[in-house]
Protein backbone atom coordinates (compact mmCIF):
# COMPACT_ATOMS: atom_id res chain seq x y z
CA MET A 1 -9.38 -5.17 -18.76
CA GLN A 2 -9.01 -3.03 -15.66
CA LEU A 3 -8.65 -5.30 -12.65
CA THR A 4 -7.96 -2.93 -9.79
CA ILE A 5 -10.39 -0.77 -7.86
CA ASN A 6 -7.76 1.99 -7.44
CA LYS A 7 -8.37 4.52 -10.24
CA ASP A 8 -4.73 5.72 -10.24
CA LEU A 9 -3.44 2.28 -11.19
CA VAL A 10 -3.88 -0.20 -14.01
CA ALA A 11 -3.66 -3.87 -13.04
CA ILE A 12 -3.38 -6.64 -15.63
CA ASN A 13 -3.48 -10.38 -15.01
CA LEU A 14 -1.27 -11.79 -17.77
CA ASN A 15 -3.04 -15.15 -17.87
CA GLN A 16 -6.38 -13.44 -18.52
CA PHE A 17 -4.72 -11.14 -21.07
CA VAL A 18 -3.27 -14.09 -23.00
CA GLN A 19 -6.62 -15.92 -22.89
CA LEU A 20 -8.54 -12.88 -24.09
CA ALA A 21 -6.05 -12.26 -26.92
CA SER A 22 -6.32 -15.91 -27.94
CA ASP A 23 -10.13 -15.80 -27.87
CA ARG A 24 -10.03 -12.80 -30.19
CA ARG A 25 -7.33 -14.35 -32.41
CA GLN A 26 -4.79 -11.64 -31.62
CA GLN A 27 -1.09 -12.41 -31.82
CA ILE A 28 1.02 -11.35 -28.86
CA PRO A 29 4.70 -11.85 -28.04
CA SER A 30 5.75 -14.85 -25.98
CA LEU A 31 5.00 -14.46 -22.28
CA MET A 32 8.73 -14.25 -21.50
CA ASP A 33 9.23 -11.38 -24.00
CA LEU A 34 6.06 -9.66 -22.85
CA LYS A 35 7.20 -9.70 -19.21
CA ARG A 36 10.63 -8.34 -20.13
CA HIS A 37 9.11 -5.42 -22.07
CA LEU A 38 6.43 -4.66 -19.49
CA ARG A 39 9.04 -4.20 -16.75
CA THR A 40 10.64 -1.38 -18.76
CA SER A 41 7.39 0.21 -19.92
CA LYS A 42 7.61 3.95 -20.52
CA ALA A 43 3.99 4.78 -21.42
CA ARG A 44 2.67 3.30 -18.18
CA LYS A 45 5.34 3.03 -15.47
CA PHE A 46 5.57 -0.49 -14.03
CA ILE A 47 5.15 -0.45 -10.25
CA GLU A 48 5.00 -4.05 -9.02
CA ILE A 49 3.48 -7.49 -9.29
CA LYS A 50 0.97 -8.03 -6.51
CA THR A 51 -2.34 -9.59 -5.60
CA THR A 52 -5.18 -7.12 -6.13
CA ARG A 53 -8.91 -7.17 -5.50
CA SER A 54 -10.72 -7.61 -8.78
CA ALA A 55 -12.76 -4.63 -9.99
CA ILE A 56 -14.54 -6.99 -12.39
CA ARG A 57 -15.67 -9.18 -9.47
CA ALA A 58 -16.62 -6.08 -7.45
CA SER A 59 -18.95 -4.98 -10.25
CA ASP A 60 -20.66 -8.42 -10.20
CA PRO A 61 -20.27 -9.82 -6.64
CA ASN A 62 -22.74 -12.66 -7.26
CA ASN A 63 -20.62 -14.19 -10.04
CA LYS A 64 -18.70 -16.89 -8.16
CA PHE A 65 -16.83 -17.88 -11.34
CA LEU A 66 -14.73 -14.72 -11.10
CA PRO A 67 -11.92 -14.75 -8.52
CA ALA A 68 -12.10 -12.11 -5.79
CA SER A 69 -8.38 -11.38 -6.06
CA LEU A 70 -5.77 -11.93 -8.75
CA LYS A 71 -2.00 -11.72 -9.11
CA CYS A 72 -1.53 -8.75 -11.43
CA TRP A 73 1.10 -6.56 -13.00
CA VAL A 74 0.42 -3.05 -11.70
CA PHE A 75 1.18 0.18 -13.62
CA GLN A 76 0.59 3.88 -13.06
CA ARG A 77 -2.33 5.26 -15.03
């Protein structure tokens, strides 16, 4: 679920992540625990939380159901 157009970064919208995990019946930690662990991530260094343009929307600009920008957690690739 890559949400940023910048290829050097990985952006994840946690609300979409939780929804997708739920749809696929995957168990994940509570959102509070998840946020705490993501901030100290070592595999992908956490950079910031910011609003990013959606790469998913950019690939399908006619789909008005997808937001053009999202608040995401951003990590180095």
